[in-house]
Every structure is written in C-alpha cells, then in structure tokens.
PDB file of N, CA and C in Angstrom:
ATOM      1  N   MET A   1       6.519  -9.702   3.941  1.00  0.00           N
ATOM      2  CA  MET A   1       6.037  -8.882   3.646  1.00  0.00           C
ATOM      3  C   MET A   1       4.293  -8.742   3.792  1.00  0.00           C
ATOM      4  N   THR A   2       3.646  -8.024   4.104  1.00  0.00           N
ATOM      5  CA  THR A   2       2.142  -8.333   4.131  1.00  0.00           C
ATOM      6  C   THR A   2       1.093  -7.195   3.188  1.00  0.00           C
ATOM      7  N   LEU A   3       0.974  -7.729   2.262  1.00  0.00           N
ATOM      8  CA  LEU A   3      -0.238  -6.526   1.330  1.00  0.00           C
ATOM      9  C   LEU A   3      -1.506  -6.800   1.812  1.00  0.00           C
ATOM     10  N   ARG A   4      -2.133  -6.113   2.464  1.00  0.00           N
ATOM     11  CA  ARG A   4      -3.857  -6.184   2.968  1.00  0.00           C
ATOM     12  C   ARG A   4      -4.602  -5.592   2.163  1.00  0.00           C
ATOM     13  N   THR A   5      -5.743  -6.254   1.967  1.00  0.00           N
ATOM     14  CA  THR A   5      -6.696  -5.753   0.677  1.00  0.00           C
ATOM     15  C   THR A   5      -7.803  -4.993   1.743  1.00  0.00           C
ATOM     16  N   PHE A   6      -8.305  -3.793   0.855  1.00  0.00           N
ATOM     17  CA  PHE A   6      -9.661  -3.532   1.498  1.00  0.00           C
ATOM     18  C   PHE A   6     -10.645  -3.462   0.638  1.00  0.00           C
ATOM     19  N   THR A   7     -12.098  -3.995   0.156  1.00  0.00           N
ATOM     20  CA  THR A   7     -12.467  -4.235  -0.939  1.00  0.00           C
ATOM     21  C   THR A   7     -13.944  -3.164  -0.384  1.00  0.00           C
ATOM     22  N   VAL A   8     -14.248  -2.900   0.374  1.00  0.00           N
ATOM     23  CA  VAL A   8     -15.334  -1.907   0.754  1.00  0.00           C
ATOM     24  C   VAL A   8     -15.193  -0.703   1.351  1.00  0.00           C
ATOM     25  N   VAL A   9     -14.408  -1.126   2.751  1.00  0.00           N
ATOM     26  CA  VAL A   9     -14.451   0.530   2.994  1.00  0.00           C
ATOM     27  C   VAL A   9     -13.021   0.844   3.371  1.00  0.00           C
ATOM     28  N   SER A  10     -12.991   1.897   3.186  1.00  0.00           N
ATOM     29  CA  SER A  10     -10.931   2.318   3.203  1.00  0.00           C
ATOM     30  C   SER A  10     -10.653   2.666   4.494  1.00  0.00           C
ATOM     31  N   PRO A  11      -9.272   2.157   5.264  1.00  0.00           N
ATOM     32  CA  PRO A  11      -9.136   2.431   6.012  1.00  0.00           C
ATOM     33  C   PRO A  11      -8.396   4.097   6.348  1.00  0.00           C
ATOM     34  N   SER A  12      -8.886   3.977   7.765  1.00  0.00           N
ATOM     35  CA  SER A  12      -8.760   5.687   8.220  1.00  0.00           C
ATOM     36  C   SER A  12      -7.140   5.730   8.070  1.00  0.00           C
ATOM     37  N   LEU A  13      -6.685   7.090   7.985  1.00  0.00           N
ATOM     38  CA  LEU A  13      -5.481   7.233   7.901  1.00  0.00           C
ATOM     39  C   LEU A  13      -4.322   6.710   9.376  1.00  0.00           C
ATOM     40  N   GLU A  14      -5.112   6.864  10.309  1.00  0.00           N
ATOM     41  CA  GLU A  14      -4.513   6.097  11.417  1.00  0.00           C
ATOM     42  C   GLU A  14      -4.568   4.460  11.316  1.00  0.00           C
ATOM     43  N   THR A  15      -5.277   4.036  10.890  1.00  0.00           N
ATOM     44  CA  THR A  15      -5.314   2.517  11.036  1.00  0.00           C
ATOM     45  C   THR A  15      -4.301   2.450   9.515  1.00  0.00           C
ATOM     46  N   ALA A  16      -4.030   2.831   8.205  1.00  0.00           N
ATOM     47  CA  ALA A  16      -3.353   2.908   7.053  1.00  0.00           C
ATOM     48  C   ALA A  16      -1.772   2.595   7.619  1.00  0.00           C
ATOM     49  N   GLN A  17      -1.581   3.797   8.615  1.00  0.00           N
ATOM     50  CA  GLN A  17       0.181   4.442   8.978  1.00  0.00           C
ATOM     51  C   GLN A  17       0.200   3.046  10.074  1.00  0.00           C
ATOM     52  N   GLU A  18      -0.921   2.554  10.954  1.00  0.00           N
ATOM     53  CA  GLU A  18      -0.550   1.809  11.589  1.00  0.00           C
ATOM     54  C   GLU A  18      -0.160   0.139  10.865  1.00  0.00           C
ATOM     55  N   ILE A  19      -1.010   0.220   9.488  1.00  0.00           N
ATOM     56  CA  ILE A  19      -0.158  -1.225   8.658  1.00  0.00           C
ATOM     57  C   ILE A  19       0.883  -1.386   7.795  1.00  0.00           C
ATOM     58  N   VAL A  20       1.432  -0.072   7.809  1.00  0.00           N
ATOM     59  CA  VAL A  20       1.892   0.265   6.522  1.00  0.00           C
ATOM     60  C   VAL A  20       3.566   0.506   7.176  1.00  0.00           C
ATOM     61  N   GLY A  21       3.600   0.945   8.458  1.00  0.00           N
ATOM     62  CA  GLY A  21       4.696   1.058   9.907  1.00  0.00           C
ATOM     63  C   GLY A  21       5.144   2.616   9.717  1.00  0.00           C
ATOM     64  N   GLY A  22       3.932   4.119   9.210  1.00  0.00           N
ATOM     65  CA  GLY A  22       4.843   5.055   8.941  1.00  0.00           C
ATOM     66  C   GLY A  22       3.615   5.943   7.623  1.00  0.00           C
ATOM     67  N   TYR A  23       4.412   7.092   7.201  1.00  0.00           N
ATOM     68  CA  TYR A  23       3.995   7.592   6.560  1.00  0.00           C
ATOM     69  C   TYR A  23       3.338   6.698   5.295  1.00  0.00           C
ATOM     70  N   VAL A  24       1.812   7.365   4.751  1.00  0.00           N
ATOM     71  CA  VAL A  24       1.201   6.386   3.982  1.00  0.00           C
ATOM     72  C   VAL A  24       1.448   7.179   2.565  1.00  0.00           C
ATOM     73  N   GLY A  25       2.025   6.861   1.509  1.00  0.00           N
ATOM     74  CA  GLY A  25       2.670   6.906   0.069  1.00  0.00           C
ATOM     75  C   GLY A  25       1.152   6.380  -0.847  1.00  0.00           C
ATOM     76  N   LEU A  26       0.719   6.577  -1.678  1.00  0.00           N
ATOM     77  CA  LEU A  26      -0.167   6.141  -2.745  1.00  0.00           C
ATOM     78  C   LEU A  26       0.070   6.116  -3.951  1.00  0.00           C
ATOM     79  N   ILE A  27       0.066   4.840  -4.836  1.00  0.00           N
ATOM     80  CA  ILE A  27       0.169   4.803  -6.089  1.00  0.00           C
ATOM     81  C   ILE A  27      -1.164   4.093  -6.672  1.00  0.00           C
ATOM     82  N   PRO A  28      -1.437   5.195  -7.637  1.00  0.00           N
ATOM     83  CA  PRO A  28      -2.702   4.245  -8.121  1.00  0.00           C
ATOM     84  C   PRO A  28      -2.203   3.439  -9.550  1.00  0.00           C
ATOM     85  N   LEU A  29      -3.108   2.304  -9.363  1.00  0.00           N
ATOM     86  CA  LEU A  29      -2.881   1.393 -10.435  1.00  0.00           C
ATOM     87  C   LEU A  29      -3.141   1.198 -11.916  1.00  0.00           C
ATOM     88  N   SER A  30      -2.811   0.560 -12.671  1.00  0.00           N
ATOM     89  CA  SER A  30      -3.716   0.723 -14.009  1.00  0.00           C
ATOM     90  C   SER A  30      -5.478   0.400 -13.689  1.00  0.00           C
ATOM     91  N   ASN A  31      -5.274  -0.682 -13.260  1.00  0.00           N
ATOM     92  CA  ASN A  31      -6.640  -1.542 -13.199  1.00  0.00           C
ATOM     93  C   ASN A  31      -7.542  -0.384 -12.204  1.00  0.00           C
ATOM     94  N   GLY A  32      -7.371   0.470 -11.927  1.00  0.00           N
ATOM     95  CA  GLY A  32      -8.314   1.320 -10.647  1.00  0.00           C
ATOM     96  C   GLY A  32      -7.946   0.987  -9.627  1.00  0.00           C
ATOM     97  N   ASP A  33      -7.395   0.184  -9.254  1.00  0.00           N
ATOM     98  CA  ASP A  33      -7.043   0.000  -7.673  1.00  0.00           C
ATOM     99  C   ASP A  33      -5.804   0.690  -7.335  1.00  0.00           C
ATOM    100  N   GLN A  34      -5.721   1.320  -5.997  1.00  0.00           N
ATOM    101  CA  GLN A  34      -4.797   2.004  -5.418  1.00  0.00           C
ATOM    102  C   GLN A  34      -4.065   1.370  -4.168  1.00  0.00           C
ATOM    103  N   LEU A  35      -2.756   1.153  -4.538  1.00  0.00           N
ATOM    104  CA  LEU A  35      -1.704   0.973  -3.251  1.00  0.00           C
ATOM    105  C   LEU A  35      -1.415   1.602  -2.290  1.00  0.00           C
ATOM    106  N   LEU A  36      -1.223   1.512  -1.155  1.00  0.00           N
ATOM    107  CA  LEU A  36      -0.404   2.308   0.133  1.00  0.00           C
ATOM    108  C   LEU A  36       0.220   1.442   0.378  1.00  0.00           C
ATOM    109  N   PHE A  37       1.552   2.455   0.594  1.00  0.00           N
ATOM    110  CA  PHE A  37       2.702   1.691   1.148  1.00  0.00           C
ATOM    111  C   PHE A  37       3.310   2.508   2.448  1.00  0.00           C
ATOM    112  N   ASP A  38       4.598   2.739   2.678  1.00  0.00           N
ATOM    113  CA  ASP A  38       5.384   3.355   3.285  1.00  0.00           C
ATOM    114  C   ASP A  38       6.254   4.191   2.815  1.00  0.00           C
ATOM    115  N   GLU A  39       6.021   5.591   2.819  1.00  0.00           N
ATOM    116  CA  GLU A  39       6.709   6.808   2.274  1.00  0.00           C
ATOM    117  C   GLU A  39       8.335   6.386   2.473  1.00  0.00           C
ATOM    118  N   ASP A  40       8.629   5.818   3.624  1.00  0.00           N
ATOM    119  CA  ASP A  40      10.156   5.877   4.238  1.00  0.00           C
ATOM    120  C   ASP A  40      10.694   4.616   4.070  1.00  0.00           C
ATOM    121  N   GLY A  41       9.845   3.897   3.653  1.00  0.00           N
ATOM    122  CA  GLY A  41      10.348   2.469   3.069  1.00  0.00           C
ATOM    123  C   GLY A  41      11.738   1.984   2.493  1.00  0.00           C
ATOM    124  N   GLU A  42      12.220   3.158   1.728  1.00  0.00           N
ATOM    125  CA  GLU A  42      14.011   2.690   1.146  1.00  0.00           C
ATOM    126  C   GLU A  42      14.734   3.363   2.521  1.00  0.00           C
ATOM    127  N   MET A  43      14.608   4.756   3.142  1.00  0.00           N
ATOM    128  CA  MET A  43      15.399   5.343   4.036  1.00  0.00           C
ATOM    129  C   MET A  43      15.041   3.748   5.650  1.00  0.00           C
ATOM    130  N   LYS A  44      14.226   3.549   5.530  1.00  0.00           N
ATOM    131  CA  LYS A  44      14.024   2.432   6.435  1.00  0.00           C
ATOM    132  C   LYS A  44      14.750   0.953   6.295  1.00  0.00           C
ATOM    133  N   ASP A  45      15.561   0.830   4.928  1.00  0.00           N
ATOM    134  CA  ASP A  45      15.803   0.034   4.677  1.00  0.00           C
ATOM    135  C   ASP A  45      14.847  -1.238   4.829  1.00  0.00           C
ATOM    136  N   LEU A  46      13.617  -0.985   4.312  1.00  0.00           N
ATOM    137  CA  LEU A  46      12.565  -2.825   4.429  1.00  0.00           C
ATOM    138  C   LEU A  46      12.760  -3.384   3.220  1.00  0.00           C
ATOM    139  N   PRO A  47      12.469  -4.919   3.389  1.00  0.00           N
ATOM    140  CA  PRO A  47      12.398  -5.508   2.701  1.00  0.00           C
ATOM    141  C   PRO A  47      11.427  -5.654   1.459  1.00  0.00           C
ATOM    142  N   LEU A  48      11.765  -5.786   0.263  1.00  0.00           N
ATOM    143  CA  LEU A  48      10.840  -6.129  -0.731  1.00  0.00           C
ATOM    144  C   LEU A  48       9.687  -7.097  -0.519  1.00  0.00           C
ATOM    145  N   ASN A  49       8.645  -6.208  -0.868  1.00  0.00           N
ATOM    146  CA  ASN A  49       7.266  -6.840  -0.819  1.00  0.00           C
ATOM    147  C   ASN A  49       6.914  -7.326  -2.532  1.00  0.00           C
ATOM    148  N   GLU A  50       7.214  -8.253  -2.720  1.00  0.00           N
ATOM    149  CA  GLU A  50       7.117  -9.197  -4.225  1.00  0.00           C
ATOM    150  C   GLU A  50       5.469  -9.155  -4.476  1.00  0.00           C
ATOM    151  N   GLU A  51       4.413  -8.930  -3.633  1.00  0.00           N
ATOM    152  CA  GLU A  51       3.323  -9.108  -4.259  1.00  0.00           C
ATOM    153  C   GLU A  51       2.734  -7.347  -4.841  1.00  0.00           C
ATOM    154  N   ALA A  52       3.277  -6.491  -3.867  1.00  0.00           N
ATOM    155  CA  ALA A  52       2.996  -5.385  -4.339  1.00  0.00           C
ATOM    156  C   ALA A  52       4.046  -5.146  -5.135  1.00  0.00           C
ATOM    157  N   SER A  53       4.729  -5.461  -4.829  1.00  0.00           N
ATOM    158  CA  SER A  53       5.712  -5.033  -6.645  1.00  0.00           C
ATOM    159  C   SER A  53       4.896  -5.537  -7.639  1.00  0.00           C
ATOM    160  N   ALA A  54       4.437  -6.361  -7.743  1.00  0.00           N
ATOM    161  CA  ALA A  54       3.792  -7.285  -9.241  1.00  0.00           C
ATOM    162  C   ALA A  54       2.700  -6.609  -9.336  1.00  0.00           C
ATOM    163  N   GLN A  55       1.939  -6.024  -8.417  1.00  0.00           N
ATOM    164  CA  GLN A  55       1.003  -5.011  -8.647  1.00  0.00           C
ATOM    165  C   GLN A  55       1.360  -3.917  -9.302  1.00  0.00           C
ATOM    166  N   ALA A  56       1.893  -3.682  -8.676  1.00  0.00           N
ATOM    167  CA  ALA A  56       2.620  -1.753  -9.181  1.00  0.00           C
ATOM    168  C   ALA A  56       3.313  -1.611 -10.158  1.00  0.00           C
ATOM    169  N   ASN A  57       4.211  -3.056 -10.800  1.00  0.00           N
ATOM    170  CA  ASN A  57       5.259  -2.854 -11.523  1.00  0.00           C
ATOM    171  C   ASN A  57       6.326  -1.867 -10.925  1.00  0.00           C
ATOM    172  N   LEU A  58       6.648  -1.694  -9.527  1.00  0.00           N
ATOM    173  CA  LEU A  58       7.625  -1.143  -9.357  1.00  0.00           C
ATOM    174  C   LEU A  58       8.059  -2.230  -8.210  1.00  0.00           C
ATOM    175  N   PRO A  59       9.275  -1.474  -7.416  1.00  0.00           N
ATOM    176  CA  PRO A  59      10.175  -2.222  -6.740  1.00  0.00           C
ATOM    177  C   PRO A  59       9.436  -1.530  -5.354  1.00  0.00           C
ATOM    178  N   ILE A  60       8.927  -1.884  -4.391  1.00  0.00           N
ATOM    179  CA  ILE A  60       7.986  -1.878  -3.274  1.00  0.00           C
ATOM    180  C   ILE A  60       8.375  -1.987  -2.086  1.00  0.00           C
ATOM    181  N   LEU A  61       8.147  -1.303  -0.686  1.00  0.00           N
ATOM    182  CA  LEU A  61       8.909  -1.589  -0.212  1.00  0.00           C
ATOM    183  C   LEU A  61       8.004  -2.258   1.341  1.00  0.00           C
ATOM    184  N   GLY A  62       8.370  -3.015   2.308  1.00  0.00           N
ATOM    185  CA  GLY A  62       7.384  -3.335   3.808  1.00  0.00           C
ATOM    186  C   GLY A  62       5.974  -3.544   3.078  1.00  0.00           C
ATOM    187  N   ASN A  63       5.346  -3.578   4.723  1.00  0.00           N
ATOM    188  CA  ASN A  63       3.714  -3.634   4.359  1.00  0.00           C
ATOM    189  C   ASN A  63       3.052  -2.950   3.373  1.00  0.00           C
ATOM    190  N   CYS A  64       2.004  -2.910   2.403  1.00  0.00           N
ATOM    191  CA  CYS A  64       1.145  -2.460   1.938  1.00  0.00           C
ATOM    192  C   CYS A  64      -0.214  -2.511   1.643  1.00  0.00           C
ATOM    193  N   ILE A  65      -1.127  -1.832   1.216  1.00  0.00           N
ATOM    194  CA  ILE A  65      -2.637  -1.999   1.604  1.00  0.00           C
ATOM    195  C   ILE A  65      -3.207  -1.904   0.436  1.00  0.00           C
ATOM    196  N   LEU A  66      -3.740  -2.521  -0.713  1.00  0.00           N
ATOM    197  CA  LEU A  66      -4.495  -2.758  -2.057  1.00  0.00           C
ATOM    198  C   LEU A  66      -5.653  -2.337  -1.391  1.00  0.00           C
ATOM    199  N   LEU A  67      -6.008  -1.333  -2.111  1.00  0.00           N
ATOM    200  CA  LEU A  67      -7.946  -0.744  -2.567  1.00  0.00           C
ATOM    201  C   LEU A  67      -8.123  -1.232  -3.336  1.00  0.00           C
ATOM    202  N   THR A  68      -9.444  -2.248  -3.624  1.00  0.00           N
ATOM    203  CA  THR A  68      -9.835  -2.227  -4.603  1.00  0.00           C
ATOM    204  C   THR A  68     -11.294  -2.191  -4.596  1.00  0.00           C
ATOM    205  N   GLY A  69     -11.847  -2.276  -5.810  1.00  0.00           N
ATOM    206  CA  GLY A  69     -13.272  -1.948  -5.752  1.00  0.00           C
ATOM    207  C   GLY A  69     -13.980  -0.311  -5.197  1.00  0.00           C
ATOM    208  N   PRO A  70     -14.883  -0.586  -4.748  1.00  0.00           N
ATOM    209  CA  PRO A  70     -15.714   0.796  -4.302  1.00  0.00           C
ATOM    210  C   PRO A  70     -14.565   1.629  -3.421  1.00  0.00           C
ATOM    211  N   ALA A  71     -13.853   0.914  -2.295  1.00  0.00           N
ATOM    212  CA  ALA A  71     -12.714   1.183  -1.476  1.00  0.00           C
ATOM    213  C   ALA A  71     -11.646   1.923  -2.106  1.00  0.00           C
ATOM    214  N   LYS A  72     -11.487   3.630  -1.638  1.00  0.00           N
ATOM    215  CA  LYS A  72     -10.592   4.369  -2.833  1.00  0.00           C
ATOM    216  C   LYS A  72      -9.913   5.188  -2.034  1.00  0.00           C
ATOM    217  N   TRP A  73      -8.916   5.693  -1.552  1.00  0.00           N
ATOM    218  CA  TRP A  73      -8.216   6.520  -0.847  1.00  0.00           C
ATOM    219  C   TRP A  73      -8.532   8.335  -1.197  1.00  0.00           C
ATOM    220  N   ASP A  74      -9.558   9.011  -0.501  1.00  0.00           N
ATOM    221  CA  ASP A  74      -9.504  10.275  -1.168  1.00  0.00           C
ATOM    222  C   ASP A  74      -8.069  11.553  -0.962  1.00  0.00           C
TER     223      ASP A  74
END
C-alpha cells in the first residue's frame, strides 16, 4: 500500500480520489498533519496500510495521502 506525502500544495479532490481509489475521508493527526484515506476501504476489503496505520494509531486500509506542513485540506 502507498502513503503519498504532500508538503506544500494540497492535491485537488479529483487527484486525492484517484490516489486513494474512491471517496476521501480525513483523519486529523495529533501533530497537526492530516491523513486522507478511502472511506470505503473496509467495504472494498482493501489491505492494511501499515505506514498510514502507524501515523494514525488506527487501522487504515488502502492507499492514503499524508498532508504535512502548510498543505492542509479544507
């Protein structure tokens, strides 16, 4: 599974949906970063994304996007 990181410019909604493979959900992380993921990952039976799960301290499935620094999703 992939965890793509954006640090300066947030991706468009269309780009985010393409990367995660579906509807985009957002998890705010304790350090101020944001994690974007496929909301339907469980229903699609996607594999565990270990790197994203470690960032969120939650089981996260499928491809994800990590927004760091000034790049934030509104």
